[in-house]
Structures are given as structure tokens and as C-alpha cells.
């Protein structure tokens, strides 16, 4: 349960960064970290939908970094 709450906190922090200081682009890294943690939670809980959703979001954020 602690990993789920930590993941949520990281993703919320990333959302705040993207809203208040989007020009820094650091929020992409926090989104990647938070969603990777959520993917781990999905794997541990055997929740395929959560795992799939988190991995897809990681692809989006990674593309946001490189494109």
C-alpha cells in the first residue's frame, strides 16, 4: 500500500510542476518515475489494466522528452 501512495504523491507532484513551471520540463521525469512505480504496483497486485495504463503513460512521457 505504501508504494501506491508514494506513486500517487510523485504523480501529483509532477502534475503541479507541469502546471506551474512547464518550461523546465522536469515534470516528465517525475511522471516517468511515478508511473513506473504505478506499473510496479499493477504488477504486484496482478492488475493488468493498471499495469497497461501505466506503461502506456510512460511511453507518452518518454516521447515528450525525446520529441
PDB file of N, CA and C in Angstrom:
ATOM      1  N   UNK A   1       0.818  -1.192   0.000  1.00  0.00           N
ATOM      2  CA  UNK A   1       0.000   0.000   0.000  1.00  0.00           C
ATOM      3  C   UNK A   1       0.866   1.261   0.000  1.00  0.00           C
ATOM      4  N   UNK A   2       2.001   1.200   0.663  1.00  0.00           N
ATOM      5  CA  UNK A   2       2.859   2.386   0.739  1.00  0.00           C
ATOM      6  C   UNK A   2       3.379   2.774  -0.644  1.00  0.00           C
ATOM      7  N   UNK A   3       3.630   1.780  -1.518  1.00  0.00           N
ATOM      8  CA  UNK A   3       4.130   2.086  -2.858  1.00  0.00           C
ATOM      9  C   UNK A   3       3.070   2.799  -3.690  1.00  0.00           C
ATOM     10  N   UNK A   4       1.828   2.394  -3.525  1.00  0.00           N
ATOM     11  CA  UNK A   4       0.733   3.050  -4.248  1.00  0.00           C
ATOM     12  C   UNK A   4       0.610   4.514  -3.836  1.00  0.00           C
ATOM     13  N   UNK A   5       0.702   4.781  -2.529  1.00  0.00           N
ATOM     14  CA  UNK A   5       0.604   6.165  -2.053  1.00  0.00           C
ATOM     15  C   UNK A   5       1.813   6.989  -2.466  1.00  0.00           C
ATOM     16  N   UNK A   6       2.981   6.373  -2.458  1.00  0.00           N
ATOM     17  CA  UNK A   6       4.184   7.074  -2.908  1.00  0.00           C
ATOM     18  C   UNK A   6       4.078   7.408  -4.391  1.00  0.00           C
ATOM     19  N   UNK A   7       3.599   6.462  -5.179  1.00  0.00           N
ATOM     20  CA  UNK A   7       3.414   6.680  -6.616  1.00  0.00           C
ATOM     21  C   UNK A   7       2.434   7.820  -6.871  1.00  0.00           C
ATOM     22  N   UNK A   8       1.346   7.810  -6.135  1.00  0.00           N
ATOM     23  CA  UNK A   8       0.343   8.868  -6.281  1.00  0.00           C
ATOM     24  C   UNK A   8       0.938  10.227  -5.937  1.00  0.00           C
ATOM     25  N   UNK A   9       1.711  10.285  -4.872  1.00  0.00           N
ATOM     26  CA  UNK A   9       2.338  11.554  -4.465  1.00  0.00           C
ATOM     27  C   UNK A   9       3.295  12.068  -5.537  1.00  0.00           C
ATOM     28  N   UNK A  10       4.066  11.174  -6.133  1.00  0.00           N
ATOM     29  CA  UNK A  10       5.018  11.579  -7.173  1.00  0.00           C
ATOM     30  C   UNK A  10       4.284  12.099  -8.397  1.00  0.00           C
ATOM     31  N   UNK A  11       3.218  11.407  -8.805  1.00  0.00           N
ATOM     32  CA  UNK A  11       2.453  11.837  -9.977  1.00  0.00           C
ATOM     33  C   UNK A  11       1.769  13.179  -9.712  1.00  0.00           C
ATOM     34  N   UNK A  12       1.239  13.371  -8.523  1.00  0.00           N
ATOM     35  CA  UNK A  12       0.625  14.661  -8.189  1.00  0.00           C
ATOM     36  C   UNK A  12       1.652  15.783  -8.166  1.00  0.00           C
ATOM     37  N   UNK A  13       2.830  15.503  -7.648  1.00  0.00           N
ATOM     38  CA  UNK A  13       3.914  16.491  -7.650  1.00  0.00           C
ATOM     39  C   UNK A  13       4.293  16.846  -9.092  1.00  0.00           C
ATOM     40  N   UNK A  14       4.367  15.830  -9.950  1.00  0.00           N
ATOM     41  CA  UNK A  14       4.676  16.076 -11.363  1.00  0.00           C
ATOM     42  C   UNK A  14       3.601  16.935 -12.021  1.00  0.00           C
ATOM     43  N   UNK A  15       2.353  16.684 -11.680  1.00  0.00           N
ATOM     44  CA  UNK A  15       1.257  17.481 -12.241  1.00  0.00           C
ATOM     45  C   UNK A  15       1.364  18.937 -11.803  1.00  0.00           C
ATOM     46  N   UNK A  16       1.748  19.150 -10.549  1.00  0.00           N
ATOM     47  CA  UNK A  16       1.952  20.525 -10.072  1.00  0.00           C
ATOM     48  C   UNK A  16       3.099  21.195 -10.818  1.00  0.00           C
ATOM     49  N   UNK A  17       4.186  20.458 -11.003  1.00  0.00           N
ATOM     50  CA  UNK A  17       5.314  21.023 -11.747  1.00  0.00           C
ATOM     51  C   UNK A  17       4.915  21.382 -13.177  1.00  0.00           C
ATOM     52  N   UNK A  18       4.159  20.512 -13.823  1.00  0.00           N
ATOM     53  CA  UNK A  18       3.781  20.785 -15.221  1.00  0.00           C
ATOM     54  C   UNK A  18       2.813  21.955 -15.325  1.00  0.00           C
ATOM     55  N   UNK A  19       2.055  22.196 -14.259  1.00  0.00           N
ATOM     56  CA  UNK A  19       1.110  23.317 -14.282  1.00  0.00           C
ATOM     57  C   UNK A  19       1.774  24.650 -13.960  1.00  0.00           C
ATOM     58  N   UNK A  20       2.709  24.629 -13.012  1.00  0.00           N
ATOM     59  CA  UNK A  20       3.261  25.886 -12.519  1.00  0.00           C
ATOM     60  C   UNK A  20       4.586  26.289 -13.161  1.00  0.00           C
ATOM     61  N   UNK A  21       5.407  25.324 -13.553  1.00  0.00           N
ATOM     62  CA  UNK A  21       6.671  25.648 -14.220  1.00  0.00           C
ATOM     63  C   UNK A  21       6.918  24.683 -15.390  1.00  0.00           C
ATOM     64  N   UNK A  22       6.055  24.743 -16.397  1.00  0.00           N
ATOM     65  CA  UNK A  22       6.162  23.790 -17.507  1.00  0.00           C
ATOM     66  C   UNK A  22       7.418  23.978 -18.359  1.00  0.00           C
ATOM     67  N   UNK A  23       7.996  25.146 -18.332  1.00  0.00           N
ATOM     68  CA  UNK A  23       9.159  25.404 -19.182  1.00  0.00           C
ATOM     69  C   UNK A  23      10.400  24.624 -18.756  1.00  0.00           C
ATOM     70  N   UNK A  24      10.421  24.103 -17.549  1.00  0.00           N
ATOM     71  CA  UNK A  24      11.579  23.350 -17.075  1.00  0.00           C
ATOM     72  C   UNK A  24      11.613  21.910 -17.605  1.00  0.00           C
ATOM     73  N   UNK A  25      10.466  21.375 -17.972  1.00  0.00           N
ATOM     74  CA  UNK A  25      10.342  20.002 -18.489  1.00  0.00           C
ATOM     75  C   UNK A  25      10.774  18.935 -17.493  1.00  0.00           C
ATOM     76  N   UNK A  26      11.045  19.301 -16.258  1.00  0.00           N
ATOM     77  CA  UNK A  26      11.450  18.314 -15.260  1.00  0.00           C
ATOM     78  C   UNK A  26      10.272  17.414 -14.868  1.00  0.00           C
ATOM     79  N   UNK A  27       9.057  17.912 -15.098  1.00  0.00           N
ATOM     80  CA  UNK A  27       7.881  17.127 -14.732  1.00  0.00           C
ATOM     81  C   UNK A  27       7.819  15.804 -15.482  1.00  0.00           C
ATOM     82  N   UNK A  28       8.391  15.750 -16.685  1.00  0.00           N
ATOM     83  CA  UNK A  28       8.393  14.491 -17.437  1.00  0.00           C
ATOM     84  C   UNK A  28       9.118  13.395 -16.661  1.00  0.00           C
ATOM     85  N   UNK A  29      10.212  13.743 -16.024  1.00  0.00           N
ATOM     86  CA  UNK A  29      10.970  12.753 -15.252  1.00  0.00           C
ATOM     87  C   UNK A  29      10.165  12.261 -14.048  1.00  0.00           C
ATOM     88  N   UNK A  30       9.485  13.180 -13.375  1.00  0.00           N
ATOM     89  CA  UNK A  30       8.674  12.768 -12.235  1.00  0.00           C
ATOM     90  C   UNK A  30       7.478  11.929 -12.681  1.00  0.00           C
ATOM     91  N   UNK A  31       6.884  12.278 -13.820  1.00  0.00           N
ATOM     92  CA  UNK A  31       5.809  11.437 -14.352  1.00  0.00           C
ATOM     93  C   UNK A  31       6.333  10.035 -14.674  1.00  0.00           C
ATOM     94  N   UNK A  32       7.506   9.956 -15.272  1.00  0.00           N
ATOM     95  CA  UNK A  32       8.096   8.647 -15.584  1.00  0.00           C
ATOM     96  C   UNK A  32       8.348   7.834 -14.308  1.00  0.00           C
ATOM     97  N   UNK A  33       8.889   8.472 -13.297  1.00  0.00           N
ATOM     98  CA  UNK A  33       9.163   7.771 -12.039  1.00  0.00           C
ATOM     99  C   UNK A  33       7.860   7.310 -11.387  1.00  0.00           C
ATOM    100  N   UNK A  34       6.896   8.224 -11.287  1.00  0.00           N
ATOM    101  CA  UNK A  34       5.624   7.890 -10.655  1.00  0.00           C
ATOM    102  C   UNK A  34       4.871   6.791 -11.387  1.00  0.00           C
ATOM    103  N   UNK A  35       4.852   6.875 -12.714  1.00  0.00           N
ATOM    104  CA  UNK A  35       4.139   5.850 -13.474  1.00  0.00           C
ATOM    105  C   UNK A  35       4.876   4.518 -13.487  1.00  0.00           C
ATOM    106  N   UNK A  36       6.191   4.559 -13.411  1.00  0.00           N
ATOM    107  CA  UNK A  36       6.939   3.303 -13.277  1.00  0.00           C
ATOM    108  C   UNK A  36       6.604   2.638 -11.943  1.00  0.00           C
ATOM    109  N   UNK A  37       6.499   3.445 -10.899  1.00  0.00           N
ATOM    110  CA  UNK A  37       6.079   2.903  -9.601  1.00  0.00           C
ATOM    111  C   UNK A  37       4.665   2.331  -9.688  1.00  0.00           C
ATOM    112  N   UNK A  38       3.770   3.035 -10.391  1.00  0.00           N
ATOM    113  CA  UNK A  38       2.409   2.522 -10.552  1.00  0.00           C
ATOM    114  C   UNK A  38       2.388   1.239 -11.374  1.00  0.00           C
ATOM    115  N   UNK A  39       3.261   1.135 -12.367  1.00  0.00           N
ATOM    116  CA  UNK A  39       3.356  -0.106 -13.137  1.00  0.00           C
ATOM    117  C   UNK A  39       3.805  -1.249 -12.229  1.00  0.00           C
ATOM    118  N   UNK A  40       4.718  -0.961 -11.325  1.00  0.00           N
ATOM    119  CA  UNK A  40       5.170  -1.964 -10.363  1.00  0.00           C
ATOM    120  C   UNK A  40       4.019  -2.395  -9.453  1.00  0.00           C
ATOM    121  N   UNK A  41       3.226  -1.426  -9.015  1.00  0.00           N
ATOM    122  CA  UNK A  41       2.055  -1.736  -8.193  1.00  0.00           C
ATOM    123  C   UNK A  41       1.086  -2.618  -8.984  1.00  0.00           C
ATOM    124  N   UNK A  42       0.844  -2.269 -10.234  1.00  0.00           N
ATOM    125  CA  UNK A  42      -0.044  -3.075 -11.066  1.00  0.00           C
ATOM    126  C   UNK A  42       0.454  -4.497 -11.222  1.00  0.00           C
ATOM    127  N   UNK A  43       1.758  -4.655 -11.367  1.00  0.00           N
ATOM    128  CA  UNK A  43       2.353  -5.979 -11.471  1.00  0.00           C
ATOM    129  C   UNK A  43       2.196  -6.759 -10.162  1.00  0.00           C
ATOM    130  N   UNK A  44       2.510  -6.100  -9.038  1.00  0.00           N
ATOM    131  CA  UNK A  44       2.419  -6.765  -7.735  1.00  0.00           C
ATOM    132  C   UNK A  44       0.988  -7.139  -7.374  1.00  0.00           C
ATOM    133  N   UNK A  45       0.036  -6.288  -7.742  1.00  0.00           N
ATOM    134  CA  UNK A  45      -1.371  -6.542  -7.451  1.00  0.00           C
ATOM    135  C   UNK A  45      -2.033  -7.413  -8.521  1.00  0.00           C
ATOM    136  N   UNK A  46      -1.285  -7.737  -9.563  1.00  0.00           N
ATOM    137  CA  UNK A  46      -1.805  -8.521 -10.687  1.00  0.00           C
ATOM    138  C   UNK A  46      -3.019  -7.841 -11.342  1.00  0.00           C
ATOM    139  N   UNK A  47      -2.907  -6.507 -11.447  1.00  0.00           N
ATOM    140  CA  UNK A  47      -3.926  -5.681 -12.099  1.00  0.00           C
ATOM    141  C   UNK A  47      -3.428  -5.323 -13.485  1.00  0.00           C
ATOM    142  N   UNK A  48      -3.847  -6.082 -14.474  1.00  0.00           N
ATOM    143  CA  UNK A  48      -3.338  -5.878 -15.831  1.00  0.00           C
ATOM    144  C   UNK A  48      -3.728  -4.519 -16.399  1.00  0.00           C
ATOM    145  N   UNK A  49      -4.910  -4.038 -16.059  1.00  0.00           N
ATOM    146  CA  UNK A  49      -5.341  -2.738 -16.590  1.00  0.00           C
ATOM    147  C   UNK A  49      -4.463  -1.612 -16.041  1.00  0.00           C
ATOM    148  N   UNK A  50      -4.129  -1.664 -14.769  1.00  0.00           N
ATOM    149  CA  UNK A  50      -3.266  -0.645 -14.165  1.00  0.00           C
ATOM    150  C   UNK A  50      -1.859  -0.721 -14.737  1.00  0.00           C
ATOM    151  N   UNK A  51      -1.358  -1.924 -14.906  1.00  0.00           N
ATOM    152  CA  UNK A  51      -0.037  -2.120 -15.491  1.00  0.00           C
ATOM    153  C   UNK A  51       0.006  -1.577 -16.919  1.00  0.00           C
ATOM    154  N   UNK A  52      -0.993  -1.923 -17.725  1.00  0.00           N
ATOM    155  CA  UNK A  52      -1.060  -1.467 -19.114  1.00  0.00           C
ATOM    156  C   UNK A  52      -1.165   0.058 -19.181  1.00  0.00           C
ATOM    157  N   UNK A  53      -2.042   0.625 -18.368  1.00  0.00           N
ATOM    158  CA  UNK A  53      -2.240   2.078 -18.344  1.00  0.00           C
ATOM    159  C   UNK A  53      -0.950   2.812 -17.982  1.00  0.00           C
ATOM    160  N   UNK A  54      -0.268   2.332 -16.960  1.00  0.00           N
ATOM    161  CA  UNK A  54       0.971   2.976 -16.512  1.00  0.00           C
ATOM    162  C   UNK A  54       2.065   2.870 -17.564  1.00  0.00           C
ATOM    163  N   UNK A  55       2.179   1.716 -18.184  1.00  0.00           N
ATOM    164  CA  UNK A  55       3.204   1.559 -19.218  1.00  0.00           C
ATOM    165  C   UNK A  55       2.913   2.441 -20.431  1.00  0.00           C
ATOM    166  N   UNK A  56       1.637   2.556 -20.799  1.00  0.00           N
ATOM    167  CA  UNK A  56       1.274   3.437 -21.921  1.00  0.00           C
ATOM    168  C   UNK A  56       1.587   4.895 -21.592  1.00  0.00           C
ATOM    169  N   UNK A  57       1.304   5.306 -20.368  1.00  0.00           N
ATOM    170  CA  UNK A  57       1.641   6.677 -19.970  1.00  0.00           C
ATOM    171  C   UNK A  57       3.146   6.908 -19.991  1.00  0.00           C
ATOM    172  N   UNK A  58       3.906   5.896 -19.605  1.00  0.00           N
ATOM    173  CA  UNK A  58       5.360   6.028 -19.669  1.00  0.00           C
ATOM    174  C   UNK A  58       5.837   6.250 -21.096  1.00  0.00           C
ATOM    175  N   UNK A  59       5.221   5.592 -22.044  1.00  0.00           N
ATOM    176  CA  UNK A  59       5.580   5.797 -23.451  1.00  0.00           C
ATOM    177  C   UNK A  59       5.287   7.241 -23.852  1.00  0.00           C
ATOM    178  N   UNK A  60       4.140   7.745 -23.437  1.00  0.00           N
ATOM    179  CA  UNK A  60       3.761   9.135 -23.767  1.00  0.00           C
ATOM    180  C   UNK A  60       4.760  10.109 -23.174  1.00  0.00           C
ATOM    181  N   UNK A  61       5.092   9.943 -21.900  1.00  0.00           N
ATOM    182  CA  UNK A  61       6.030  10.872 -21.262  1.00  0.00           C
ATOM    183  C   UNK A  61       7.429  10.752 -21.815  1.00  0.00           C
ATOM    184  N   UNK A  62       7.842   9.533 -22.164  1.00  0.00           N
ATOM    185  CA  UNK A  62       9.157   9.353 -22.761  1.00  0.00           C
ATOM    186  C   UNK A  62       9.224  10.064 -24.125  1.00  0.00           C
ATOM    187  N   UNK A  63       8.154   9.916 -24.910  1.00  0.00           N
ATOM    188  CA  UNK A  63       8.117  10.602 -26.207  1.00  0.00           C
ATOM    189  C   UNK A  63       8.118  12.118 -26.012  1.00  0.00           C
ATOM    190  N   UNK A  64       7.503  12.593 -24.943  1.00  0.00           N
ATOM    191  CA  UNK A  64       7.531  14.011 -24.635  1.00  0.00           C
ATOM    192  C   UNK A  64       8.934  14.520 -24.352  1.00  0.00           C
ATOM    193  N   UNK A  65       9.775  13.654 -23.850  1.00  0.00           N
ATOM    194  CA  UNK A  65      11.164  14.033 -23.600  1.00  0.00           C
ATOM    195  C   UNK A  65      12.022  14.053 -24.861  1.00  0.00           C
ATOM    196  N   UNK A  66      11.811  13.097 -25.744  1.00  0.00           N
ATOM    197  CA  UNK A  66      12.696  12.955 -26.879  1.00  0.00           C
ATOM    198  C   UNK A  66      12.210  13.650 -28.140  1.00  0.00           C
ATOM    199  N   UNK A  67      10.951  13.992 -28.198  1.00  0.00           N
ATOM    200  CA  UNK A  67      10.420  14.633 -29.416  1.00  0.00           C
ATOM    201  C   UNK A  67      10.337  16.129 -29.235  1.00  0.00           C
TER     202      UNK A  67
END
